N, C-alpha and C. Protein backbone atom coordinates (compact mmCIF):
# COMPACT_ATOMS: atom_id res chain seq x y z
N MET A 1 -3.64 13.37 -12.15
CA MET A 1 -3.44 12.08 -12.79
C MET A 1 -2.78 12.27 -14.20
N ASP A 2 -1.85 11.37 -14.46
CA ASP A 2 -1.27 11.49 -15.86
C ASP A 2 -2.09 10.64 -16.76
N ALA A 3 -1.71 10.85 -18.00
CA ALA A 3 -2.54 10.15 -19.18
C ALA A 3 -2.47 8.67 -19.09
N HIS A 4 -1.41 8.14 -18.65
CA HIS A 4 -1.22 6.73 -18.55
C HIS A 4 -2.15 6.15 -17.51
N LYS A 5 -2.20 6.79 -16.34
CA LYS A 5 -3.05 6.33 -15.31
C LYS A 5 -4.52 6.38 -15.74
N ILE A 6 -4.84 7.54 -16.42
CA ILE A 6 -6.28 7.72 -16.81
C ILE A 6 -6.57 6.58 -17.82
N ASP A 7 -5.72 6.30 -18.70
CA ASP A 7 -5.90 5.24 -19.69
C ASP A 7 -6.14 3.87 -18.92
N LEU A 8 -5.31 3.60 -18.00
CA LEU A 8 -5.46 2.32 -17.18
C LEU A 8 -6.82 2.26 -16.55
N VAL A 9 -7.31 3.35 -15.81
CA VAL A 9 -8.58 3.40 -15.21
C VAL A 9 -9.68 3.20 -16.24
N GLN A 10 -9.59 3.83 -17.42
CA GLN A 10 -10.74 3.83 -18.41
C GLN A 10 -10.83 2.40 -19.04
N GLN A 11 -9.63 1.78 -19.27
CA GLN A 11 -9.63 0.50 -19.92
C GLN A 11 -10.21 -0.56 -18.95
N SER A 12 -9.67 -0.41 -17.73
CA SER A 12 -10.16 -1.43 -16.74
C SER A 12 -11.72 -1.28 -16.43
N PHE A 13 -12.18 -0.03 -16.37
CA PHE A 13 -13.54 0.22 -16.11
C PHE A 13 -14.49 -0.42 -17.09
N GLU A 14 -13.97 -0.31 -18.32
CA GLU A 14 -14.73 -0.99 -19.45
C GLU A 14 -14.97 -2.53 -19.27
N LYS A 15 -13.92 -3.10 -18.69
CA LYS A 15 -14.02 -4.54 -18.41
C LYS A 15 -15.00 -4.81 -17.28
N VAL A 16 -14.89 -3.98 -16.23
CA VAL A 16 -15.78 -4.15 -15.16
C VAL A 16 -17.21 -3.83 -15.48
N ALA A 17 -17.35 -2.75 -16.29
CA ALA A 17 -18.70 -2.33 -16.75
C ALA A 17 -19.43 -3.39 -17.57
N ALA A 18 -18.67 -4.26 -18.21
CA ALA A 18 -19.21 -5.36 -18.96
C ALA A 18 -19.83 -6.44 -18.17
N LEU A 19 -19.55 -6.40 -16.83
CA LEU A 19 -20.19 -7.26 -15.85
C LEU A 19 -21.70 -6.76 -15.60
N GLY A 20 -21.99 -5.57 -16.02
CA GLY A 20 -23.28 -4.99 -15.85
C GLY A 20 -23.59 -4.79 -14.38
N LEU A 21 -24.90 -5.07 -14.07
CA LEU A 21 -25.37 -4.82 -12.62
C LEU A 21 -24.62 -5.65 -11.67
N LYS A 22 -24.00 -6.74 -12.11
CA LYS A 22 -23.31 -7.58 -11.21
C LYS A 22 -22.20 -6.79 -10.57
N ALA A 23 -21.49 -5.84 -11.23
CA ALA A 23 -20.48 -5.12 -10.66
C ALA A 23 -21.08 -4.16 -9.54
N ALA A 24 -22.17 -3.58 -9.84
CA ALA A 24 -22.82 -2.77 -8.76
C ALA A 24 -23.19 -3.58 -7.53
N GLU A 25 -23.76 -4.82 -7.77
CA GLU A 25 -24.10 -5.65 -6.62
C GLU A 25 -22.85 -5.98 -5.88
N LEU A 26 -21.79 -6.29 -6.46
CA LEU A 26 -20.51 -6.55 -5.77
C LEU A 26 -20.07 -5.38 -4.95
N PHE A 27 -20.17 -4.13 -5.56
CA PHE A 27 -19.80 -2.97 -4.83
C PHE A 27 -20.62 -2.78 -3.59
N TYR A 28 -21.93 -2.85 -3.70
CA TYR A 28 -22.78 -2.64 -2.47
C TYR A 28 -22.60 -3.75 -1.46
N SER A 29 -22.34 -4.99 -1.93
CA SER A 29 -22.02 -6.06 -0.98
C SER A 29 -20.76 -5.76 -0.21
N GLU A 30 -19.78 -5.30 -0.94
CA GLU A 30 -18.49 -4.90 -0.19
C GLU A 30 -18.69 -3.65 0.67
N LEU A 31 -19.52 -2.68 0.22
CA LEU A 31 -19.73 -1.49 1.06
C LEU A 31 -20.44 -1.88 2.36
N PHE A 32 -21.44 -2.68 2.26
CA PHE A 32 -22.23 -3.04 3.43
C PHE A 32 -21.41 -3.98 4.29
N ALA A 33 -20.43 -4.77 3.78
CA ALA A 33 -19.59 -5.54 4.65
C ALA A 33 -18.60 -4.68 5.46
N ILE A 34 -18.14 -3.59 4.82
CA ILE A 34 -17.25 -2.65 5.55
C ILE A 34 -18.05 -1.91 6.65
N ASP A 35 -19.30 -1.47 6.35
CA ASP A 35 -20.07 -0.79 7.36
C ASP A 35 -21.61 -1.05 7.09
N PRO A 36 -22.05 -2.18 7.85
CA PRO A 36 -23.45 -2.53 7.65
C PRO A 36 -24.50 -1.47 7.90
N SER A 37 -24.10 -0.48 8.75
CA SER A 37 -25.09 0.67 9.03
C SER A 37 -25.36 1.45 7.78
N LEU A 38 -24.55 1.48 6.74
CA LEU A 38 -24.73 2.22 5.57
C LEU A 38 -26.00 1.84 4.85
N ARG A 39 -26.40 0.51 5.00
CA ARG A 39 -27.56 -0.05 4.30
C ARG A 39 -28.78 0.76 4.58
N ALA A 40 -28.94 1.34 5.76
CA ALA A 40 -30.06 2.10 6.10
C ALA A 40 -30.20 3.51 5.29
N MET A 41 -29.18 3.91 4.70
CA MET A 41 -29.28 5.04 3.89
C MET A 41 -29.89 4.92 2.56
N PHE A 42 -30.14 3.66 2.15
CA PHE A 42 -30.69 3.31 0.84
C PHE A 42 -32.15 2.93 1.05
N LYS A 43 -33.07 3.80 0.83
CA LYS A 43 -34.48 3.56 1.10
C LYS A 43 -35.22 2.97 -0.18
N GLY A 44 -34.60 3.33 -1.30
CA GLY A 44 -35.43 2.87 -2.51
C GLY A 44 -34.93 1.52 -3.07
N SER A 45 -35.23 1.31 -4.36
CA SER A 45 -34.92 0.12 -4.97
C SER A 45 -33.34 0.00 -5.13
N MET A 46 -32.79 -1.16 -4.71
CA MET A 46 -31.32 -1.24 -4.86
C MET A 46 -31.05 -1.50 -6.43
N GLN A 47 -32.02 -1.98 -7.11
CA GLN A 47 -31.80 -2.21 -8.61
C GLN A 47 -31.62 -0.76 -9.25
N GLU A 48 -32.37 0.20 -8.87
CA GLU A 48 -32.26 1.55 -9.29
C GLU A 48 -30.89 2.19 -8.87
N GLN A 49 -30.55 1.85 -7.74
CA GLN A 49 -29.28 2.43 -7.13
C GLN A 49 -28.12 1.81 -7.92
N HIS A 50 -28.19 0.54 -8.28
CA HIS A 50 -27.15 -0.07 -9.01
C HIS A 50 -26.95 0.68 -10.37
N LYS A 51 -27.97 0.96 -10.99
CA LYS A 51 -27.96 1.61 -12.24
C LYS A 51 -27.41 3.06 -12.11
N LYS A 52 -27.80 3.74 -11.04
CA LYS A 52 -27.33 5.19 -10.80
C LYS A 52 -25.88 5.12 -10.58
N LEU A 53 -25.38 4.05 -9.76
CA LEU A 53 -23.90 3.95 -9.43
C LEU A 53 -23.09 3.70 -10.79
N LEU A 54 -23.51 2.82 -11.61
CA LEU A 54 -22.80 2.49 -12.85
C LEU A 54 -22.83 3.72 -13.82
N SER A 55 -23.94 4.37 -13.84
CA SER A 55 -24.04 5.58 -14.66
C SER A 55 -23.13 6.71 -14.30
N ALA A 56 -23.02 6.96 -12.96
CA ALA A 56 -22.24 7.97 -12.41
C ALA A 56 -20.76 7.57 -12.59
N LEU A 57 -20.48 6.41 -12.33
CA LEU A 57 -18.99 5.90 -12.53
C LEU A 57 -18.60 6.03 -13.92
N ALA A 58 -19.39 5.65 -14.88
CA ALA A 58 -19.12 5.76 -16.25
C ALA A 58 -18.86 7.25 -16.62
N LEU A 59 -19.68 8.12 -16.20
CA LEU A 59 -19.49 9.53 -16.52
C LEU A 59 -18.15 10.04 -15.87
N VAL A 60 -17.87 9.62 -14.73
CA VAL A 60 -16.55 10.17 -14.07
C VAL A 60 -15.44 9.55 -14.77
N VAL A 61 -15.43 8.27 -15.03
CA VAL A 61 -14.30 7.62 -15.62
C VAL A 61 -14.04 8.09 -17.00
N ARG A 62 -15.13 8.26 -17.77
CA ARG A 62 -14.95 8.64 -19.21
C ARG A 62 -14.52 10.12 -19.29
N SER A 63 -14.69 10.88 -18.13
CA SER A 63 -14.31 12.30 -18.23
C SER A 63 -12.96 12.58 -17.57
N LEU A 64 -12.21 11.59 -17.25
CA LEU A 64 -10.98 11.81 -16.54
C LEU A 64 -10.00 12.73 -17.31
N HIS A 65 -10.05 12.63 -18.60
CA HIS A 65 -9.11 13.57 -19.37
C HIS A 65 -9.52 14.98 -19.43
N THR A 66 -10.87 15.25 -19.13
CA THR A 66 -11.43 16.55 -19.07
C THR A 66 -12.34 16.69 -17.81
N PRO A 67 -11.74 16.55 -16.58
CA PRO A 67 -12.62 16.65 -15.41
C PRO A 67 -13.26 17.93 -15.19
N GLU A 68 -12.84 19.06 -15.70
CA GLU A 68 -13.44 20.24 -15.53
C GLU A 68 -14.82 20.31 -16.10
N LYS A 69 -15.08 19.42 -17.00
CA LYS A 69 -16.50 19.33 -17.59
C LYS A 69 -17.52 18.74 -16.68
N ILE A 70 -17.09 18.04 -15.74
CA ILE A 70 -18.17 17.35 -14.88
C ILE A 70 -18.01 17.87 -13.34
N VAL A 71 -17.14 18.73 -13.08
CA VAL A 71 -16.96 19.26 -11.71
C VAL A 71 -18.30 19.72 -11.09
N GLY A 72 -18.96 20.43 -11.86
CA GLY A 72 -20.31 21.07 -11.44
C GLY A 72 -21.29 19.95 -11.03
N ALA A 73 -21.40 18.95 -11.86
CA ALA A 73 -22.29 17.80 -11.61
C ALA A 73 -21.93 17.05 -10.44
N VAL A 74 -20.55 16.81 -10.25
CA VAL A 74 -20.01 16.07 -9.16
C VAL A 74 -20.25 16.85 -7.92
N GLU A 75 -20.05 18.12 -7.93
CA GLU A 75 -20.28 19.00 -6.62
C GLU A 75 -21.80 18.87 -6.27
N LYS A 76 -22.66 19.05 -7.24
CA LYS A 76 -24.12 18.89 -6.88
C LYS A 76 -24.40 17.58 -6.30
N LEU A 77 -23.84 16.58 -6.83
CA LEU A 77 -24.05 15.22 -6.31
C LEU A 77 -23.59 15.00 -4.91
N ALA A 78 -22.42 15.64 -4.57
CA ALA A 78 -21.91 15.63 -3.18
C ALA A 78 -22.79 16.37 -2.29
N VAL A 79 -23.31 17.50 -2.63
CA VAL A 79 -24.22 18.23 -1.72
C VAL A 79 -25.52 17.45 -1.52
N LYS A 80 -26.05 16.86 -2.62
CA LYS A 80 -27.18 16.01 -2.54
C LYS A 80 -27.07 14.83 -1.49
N HIS A 81 -25.85 14.32 -1.46
CA HIS A 81 -25.56 13.13 -0.61
C HIS A 81 -25.56 13.55 0.90
N LEU A 82 -25.42 14.83 1.14
CA LEU A 82 -25.62 15.34 2.51
C LEU A 82 -27.03 15.04 3.04
N ASP A 83 -28.02 15.13 2.19
CA ASP A 83 -29.38 14.82 2.53
C ASP A 83 -29.54 13.39 2.97
N TYR A 84 -28.69 12.45 2.43
CA TYR A 84 -28.77 11.01 2.80
C TYR A 84 -28.02 10.69 4.06
N GLY A 85 -27.26 11.62 4.62
CA GLY A 85 -26.47 11.46 5.83
C GLY A 85 -25.05 10.98 5.60
N VAL A 86 -24.58 11.22 4.30
CA VAL A 86 -23.17 10.94 4.12
C VAL A 86 -22.31 11.81 4.84
N LYS A 87 -21.32 11.11 5.54
CA LYS A 87 -20.24 11.79 6.31
C LYS A 87 -18.93 11.63 5.67
N PRO A 88 -17.97 12.51 6.00
CA PRO A 88 -16.61 12.46 5.36
C PRO A 88 -16.04 11.09 5.34
N GLU A 89 -16.13 10.34 6.45
CA GLU A 89 -15.47 9.04 6.47
C GLU A 89 -16.09 8.09 5.56
N HIS A 90 -17.27 8.35 5.15
CA HIS A 90 -17.96 7.30 4.18
C HIS A 90 -17.23 7.24 2.89
N TYR A 91 -16.52 8.35 2.47
CA TYR A 91 -15.74 8.33 1.19
C TYR A 91 -14.69 7.26 1.32
N THR A 92 -14.15 7.11 2.36
CA THR A 92 -13.01 6.07 2.48
C THR A 92 -13.62 4.75 2.38
N TYR A 93 -14.78 4.47 2.99
CA TYR A 93 -15.49 3.15 2.84
C TYR A 93 -15.82 2.89 1.41
N VAL A 94 -16.33 3.96 0.77
CA VAL A 94 -16.66 3.75 -0.68
C VAL A 94 -15.51 3.49 -1.51
N GLY A 95 -14.35 4.15 -1.23
CA GLY A 95 -13.18 3.90 -2.01
C GLY A 95 -12.67 2.45 -1.81
N ASN A 96 -12.72 1.99 -0.60
CA ASN A 96 -12.21 0.63 -0.36
C ASN A 96 -13.15 -0.36 -0.87
N ALA A 97 -14.47 -0.15 -0.85
CA ALA A 97 -15.43 -1.05 -1.52
C ALA A 97 -15.21 -1.04 -3.11
N LEU A 98 -14.90 0.07 -3.59
CA LEU A 98 -14.61 0.18 -5.05
C LEU A 98 -13.35 -0.73 -5.34
N LEU A 99 -12.33 -0.53 -4.54
CA LEU A 99 -11.10 -1.31 -4.84
C LEU A 99 -11.37 -2.78 -4.71
N ARG A 100 -12.09 -3.18 -3.67
CA ARG A 100 -12.44 -4.68 -3.53
C ARG A 100 -13.31 -5.14 -4.70
N THR A 101 -14.23 -4.40 -5.18
CA THR A 101 -14.96 -4.69 -6.40
C THR A 101 -14.12 -4.85 -7.62
N LEU A 102 -13.28 -3.94 -7.77
CA LEU A 102 -12.32 -4.00 -8.91
C LEU A 102 -11.46 -5.30 -8.89
N LYS A 103 -11.00 -5.51 -7.64
CA LYS A 103 -10.17 -6.75 -7.48
C LYS A 103 -10.94 -8.02 -7.79
N LYS A 104 -12.14 -8.06 -7.36
CA LYS A 104 -12.93 -9.25 -7.66
C LYS A 104 -13.34 -9.35 -9.11
N GLY A 105 -13.67 -8.20 -9.64
CA GLY A 105 -14.17 -8.14 -11.14
C GLY A 105 -12.99 -8.36 -12.03
N LEU A 106 -11.77 -7.92 -11.67
CA LEU A 106 -10.72 -8.01 -12.69
C LEU A 106 -9.69 -9.16 -12.30
N GLY A 107 -9.83 -9.69 -11.17
CA GLY A 107 -8.90 -10.76 -10.78
C GLY A 107 -7.46 -10.40 -10.88
N SER A 108 -6.71 -11.27 -11.55
CA SER A 108 -5.23 -11.07 -11.67
C SER A 108 -4.83 -9.88 -12.51
N GLU A 109 -5.74 -9.33 -13.26
CA GLU A 109 -5.49 -8.07 -14.08
C GLU A 109 -5.41 -6.88 -13.17
N PHE A 110 -5.99 -6.98 -11.89
CA PHE A 110 -5.88 -5.78 -11.07
C PHE A 110 -4.60 -5.80 -10.31
N THR A 111 -3.56 -5.11 -10.97
CA THR A 111 -2.15 -5.11 -10.50
C THR A 111 -1.99 -3.88 -9.59
N PRO A 112 -0.94 -3.89 -8.89
CA PRO A 112 -0.54 -2.68 -8.07
C PRO A 112 -0.60 -1.35 -8.81
N GLU A 113 0.02 -1.49 -10.07
CA GLU A 113 -0.11 -0.24 -10.90
C GLU A 113 -1.50 0.28 -11.19
N LEU A 114 -2.38 -0.68 -11.50
CA LEU A 114 -3.76 -0.39 -11.78
C LEU A 114 -4.44 0.11 -10.45
N SER A 115 -4.18 -0.48 -9.37
CA SER A 115 -4.71 -0.16 -8.08
C SER A 115 -4.19 1.35 -7.81
N ASP A 116 -2.98 1.78 -7.97
CA ASP A 116 -2.52 3.01 -7.80
C ASP A 116 -3.32 4.10 -8.69
N ALA A 117 -3.65 3.72 -9.88
CA ALA A 117 -4.31 4.59 -10.82
C ALA A 117 -5.77 4.84 -10.23
N TRP A 118 -6.44 3.75 -9.84
CA TRP A 118 -7.73 3.87 -9.27
C TRP A 118 -7.70 4.69 -7.96
N VAL A 119 -6.73 4.52 -7.18
CA VAL A 119 -6.55 5.31 -5.92
C VAL A 119 -6.49 6.80 -6.27
N ASP A 120 -5.66 7.12 -7.21
CA ASP A 120 -5.55 8.49 -7.72
C ASP A 120 -6.83 9.09 -8.24
N ALA A 121 -7.55 8.22 -8.93
CA ALA A 121 -8.86 8.75 -9.58
C ALA A 121 -9.83 8.97 -8.42
N PHE A 122 -9.92 8.04 -7.60
CA PHE A 122 -10.88 8.22 -6.42
C PHE A 122 -10.51 9.37 -5.54
N ARG A 123 -9.22 9.47 -5.29
CA ARG A 123 -8.82 10.61 -4.37
C ARG A 123 -9.18 11.95 -5.02
N MET A 124 -9.07 12.11 -6.30
CA MET A 124 -9.43 13.25 -7.02
C MET A 124 -10.96 13.51 -6.88
N LEU A 125 -11.79 12.51 -7.10
CA LEU A 125 -13.19 12.58 -7.02
C LEU A 125 -13.60 12.85 -5.63
N ALA A 126 -13.11 12.12 -4.63
CA ALA A 126 -13.40 12.35 -3.29
C ALA A 126 -13.06 13.87 -2.75
N HIS A 127 -11.93 14.32 -3.22
CA HIS A 127 -11.48 15.62 -2.89
C HIS A 127 -12.51 16.70 -3.36
N ILE A 128 -12.98 16.61 -4.59
CA ILE A 128 -13.96 17.44 -5.13
C ILE A 128 -15.28 17.42 -4.51
N MET A 129 -15.72 16.19 -4.20
CA MET A 129 -17.04 15.92 -3.51
C MET A 129 -16.91 16.43 -2.04
N LYS A 130 -15.90 16.13 -1.39
CA LYS A 130 -15.81 16.53 0.08
C LYS A 130 -15.66 18.13 0.13
N LYS A 131 -14.91 18.66 -0.72
CA LYS A 131 -14.76 20.17 -0.66
C LYS A 131 -16.20 20.77 -0.87
N ALA A 132 -16.87 20.24 -1.89
CA ALA A 132 -18.17 20.81 -2.16
C ALA A 132 -19.21 20.58 -0.91
N ALA A 133 -19.14 19.41 -0.36
CA ALA A 133 -20.14 19.14 0.74
C ALA A 133 -19.70 19.65 2.02
N TYR A 134 -18.45 19.70 2.38
CA TYR A 134 -18.05 19.98 3.74
C TYR A 134 -17.15 21.27 3.87
N GLY A 135 -16.64 21.74 2.67
CA GLY A 135 -15.74 22.83 2.77
C GLY A 135 -14.28 22.37 2.64
N SER A 136 -13.40 23.31 2.54
CA SER A 136 -11.98 23.05 2.27
C SER A 136 -11.27 22.25 3.46
N ALA A 137 -11.74 22.53 4.64
CA ALA A 137 -11.02 21.77 5.80
C ALA A 137 -11.37 20.34 5.81
N GLN A 138 -12.42 19.89 5.22
CA GLN A 138 -12.80 18.43 5.19
C GLN A 138 -12.37 17.80 3.87
N ALA A 139 -11.76 18.49 2.96
CA ALA A 139 -11.49 17.92 1.69
C ALA A 139 -10.44 16.77 1.73
N GLY A 140 -9.57 16.87 2.71
CA GLY A 140 -8.65 15.76 2.91
C GLY A 140 -9.27 14.69 3.62
N ILE A 141 -9.04 13.45 3.29
CA ILE A 141 -9.56 12.29 3.92
C ILE A 141 -8.70 11.99 5.22
N ARG A 142 -9.28 12.04 6.35
CA ARG A 142 -8.58 11.87 7.56
C ARG A 142 -8.89 10.58 8.23
N GLY A 143 -7.87 9.99 8.98
CA GLY A 143 -8.01 8.89 9.82
C GLY A 143 -8.30 7.58 9.13
N ALA A 144 -8.16 7.48 7.89
CA ALA A 144 -8.35 6.19 7.19
C ALA A 144 -7.48 6.15 6.00
N SER A 145 -7.37 4.92 5.45
CA SER A 145 -6.48 4.67 4.30
C SER A 145 -7.07 3.93 3.24
N LEU A 146 -6.90 4.28 2.02
CA LEU A 146 -7.37 3.48 0.88
C LEU A 146 -6.03 2.97 0.29
N SER A 147 -5.68 1.73 0.55
CA SER A 147 -4.48 1.21 0.01
C SER A 147 -4.54 -0.20 -0.15
N MET A 148 -3.68 -0.89 -0.95
CA MET A 148 -3.68 -2.23 -1.24
C MET A 148 -3.55 -3.04 0.18
N ARG A 149 -2.71 -2.50 1.02
CA ARG A 149 -2.56 -3.19 2.28
C ARG A 149 -3.87 -3.29 3.13
N SER A 150 -4.71 -2.25 2.95
CA SER A 150 -5.88 -2.19 3.88
C SER A 150 -7.02 -3.18 3.40
N TRP A 151 -6.95 -3.59 2.15
CA TRP A 151 -8.01 -4.44 1.65
C TRP A 151 -7.59 -5.79 1.11
N CYS A 152 -6.26 -5.99 1.05
CA CYS A 152 -5.81 -7.16 0.44
C CYS A 152 -4.68 -7.67 1.24
N PRO A 153 -4.91 -8.37 2.36
CA PRO A 153 -3.74 -8.87 3.17
C PRO A 153 -2.83 -9.82 2.33
N GLY A 154 -1.59 -9.70 2.59
CA GLY A 154 -0.63 -10.53 1.81
C GLY A 154 -0.26 -9.79 0.49
N ALA A 155 -0.74 -8.58 0.24
CA ALA A 155 -0.30 -7.91 -0.87
C ALA A 155 1.23 -7.58 -0.85
N GLU A 156 1.86 -7.34 -1.98
CA GLU A 156 3.15 -7.13 -2.04
C GLU A 156 3.61 -6.00 -0.95
N SER A 157 4.36 -6.45 0.02
CA SER A 157 4.83 -5.53 1.09
C SER A 157 5.84 -4.58 0.59
N ASN A 158 6.64 -4.87 -0.45
CA ASN A 158 7.63 -3.96 -0.92
C ASN A 158 7.14 -2.98 -1.96
N HIS A 159 5.86 -3.14 -2.24
CA HIS A 159 5.23 -2.28 -3.30
C HIS A 159 4.90 -0.93 -2.62
N ARG A 160 5.45 0.11 -3.16
CA ARG A 160 5.15 1.41 -2.60
C ARG A 160 3.79 1.83 -3.01
N HIS A 161 2.77 1.78 -2.29
CA HIS A 161 1.47 2.00 -2.64
C HIS A 161 0.93 3.38 -1.98
N ARG A 162 0.44 4.26 -2.86
CA ARG A 162 -0.09 5.46 -2.35
C ARG A 162 -1.41 5.25 -1.58
N ASP A 163 -1.59 6.01 -0.53
CA ASP A 163 -2.87 5.93 0.19
C ASP A 163 -3.28 7.33 0.66
N PHE A 164 -4.54 7.30 1.17
CA PHE A 164 -5.10 8.62 1.51
C PHE A 164 -4.41 9.22 2.78
N GLN A 165 -4.10 8.46 3.79
CA GLN A 165 -3.40 8.88 4.91
C GLN A 165 -2.40 7.84 5.30
N SER A 166 -1.57 8.07 6.24
CA SER A 166 -0.55 7.17 6.66
C SER A 166 -1.23 5.98 7.56
N ARG A 167 -2.30 6.29 8.07
CA ARG A 167 -2.94 5.30 9.05
C ARG A 167 -3.79 4.38 8.11
N ALA A 168 -3.67 3.13 8.34
CA ALA A 168 -4.36 2.15 7.43
C ALA A 168 -5.68 1.79 8.21
N LEU A 169 -6.71 1.33 7.45
CA LEU A 169 -7.86 0.79 8.00
C LEU A 169 -7.57 -0.46 8.84
N PRO A 170 -8.31 -0.78 9.81
CA PRO A 170 -8.09 -1.98 10.54
C PRO A 170 -8.16 -3.24 9.62
N THR A 171 -7.31 -4.20 9.95
CA THR A 171 -7.31 -5.39 9.13
C THR A 171 -8.72 -6.05 9.10
N GLU A 172 -9.30 -6.10 10.28
CA GLU A 172 -10.64 -6.66 10.32
C GLU A 172 -11.67 -5.42 10.37
N LEU A 173 -12.52 -5.44 9.43
CA LEU A 173 -13.41 -4.34 9.19
C LEU A 173 -14.78 -4.48 9.98
N PRO A 174 -15.40 -3.48 10.38
CA PRO A 174 -16.69 -3.64 11.09
C PRO A 174 -17.64 -4.61 10.29
N GLY A 175 -18.28 -5.46 10.98
CA GLY A 175 -19.22 -6.32 10.37
C GLY A 175 -18.58 -7.65 9.73
N ARG A 176 -17.29 -7.77 9.82
CA ARG A 176 -16.54 -8.88 9.20
C ARG A 176 -16.11 -9.73 10.37
N ARG A 177 -16.17 -11.13 10.18
CA ARG A 177 -15.64 -12.04 11.10
C ARG A 177 -14.06 -12.00 10.89
N PRO A 178 -13.34 -12.28 12.00
CA PRO A 178 -11.92 -12.36 11.78
C PRO A 178 -11.56 -13.49 10.81
N ALA A 179 -10.58 -13.26 10.00
CA ALA A 179 -10.22 -14.18 8.93
C ALA A 179 -10.04 -15.56 9.43
N SER A 180 -9.62 -15.80 10.63
CA SER A 180 -9.38 -17.17 11.24
C SER A 180 -10.64 -17.80 11.43
N SER A 181 -11.76 -17.14 11.57
CA SER A 181 -13.05 -17.82 11.81
C SER A 181 -13.99 -17.96 10.55
N ARG A 182 -13.54 -17.50 9.48
CA ARG A 182 -14.26 -17.64 8.24
C ARG A 182 -14.23 -19.10 7.69
N ARG A 183 -15.35 -19.40 6.95
CA ARG A 183 -15.40 -20.80 6.44
C ARG A 183 -14.96 -20.81 5.07
N GLY A 184 -14.70 -22.01 4.54
CA GLY A 184 -14.49 -22.33 3.14
C GLY A 184 -13.56 -21.41 2.37
N GLY A 185 -14.06 -20.90 1.27
CA GLY A 185 -13.18 -20.27 0.27
C GLY A 185 -12.89 -18.76 0.57
N GLU A 186 -13.47 -18.24 1.68
CA GLU A 186 -13.16 -16.85 1.96
C GLU A 186 -11.67 -16.68 2.30
N ARG A 187 -11.05 -15.70 1.79
CA ARG A 187 -9.68 -15.44 2.05
C ARG A 187 -9.48 -13.97 2.37
N GLY A 188 -8.65 -13.72 3.33
CA GLY A 188 -8.32 -12.31 3.67
C GLY A 188 -9.57 -11.47 3.95
N ALA A 189 -9.49 -10.22 3.44
CA ALA A 189 -10.53 -9.27 3.70
C ALA A 189 -11.51 -9.27 2.52
N LEU A 190 -11.24 -10.10 1.46
CA LEU A 190 -12.16 -10.13 0.36
C LEU A 190 -13.43 -11.09 0.66
């Protein structure tokens, strides 16, 4: 990641972090909408989990200029997540839930450029974690995509957006009703 993208991620994170636990609530709401079966992995207090998420994100985001300082802690966290049943594909779900949360939290400030910066940051984090947890062969995210197209139908089609793989997530995610059957103000995949 270049310095400009790191600055974009750090500045935008501060705005989302200002939402407090609401940001974490949004994240888990999106994660469980993507894959409701993940809810069973969380046995304890979700309030505590919200705090842990925000704390871990803050540490990672604030260390983007010097990632080598947190690699050991991130690797330990990845290995610990194996005990919870985390699988390689869950990293894609987490990445997409994060992007959806940022989109909701930042609204129109969540531009394609900012999305690209967050994708790069998450790809770096996911690579480190997957390599620690599953080894080098699993470090690449396979069979899914983290891209503007996969979580925001109607996004600029001419925008060249980087993603994890060339195959995108399905438009309709598990546990979500088709867009045509949603009521009221729900739009697209959000």
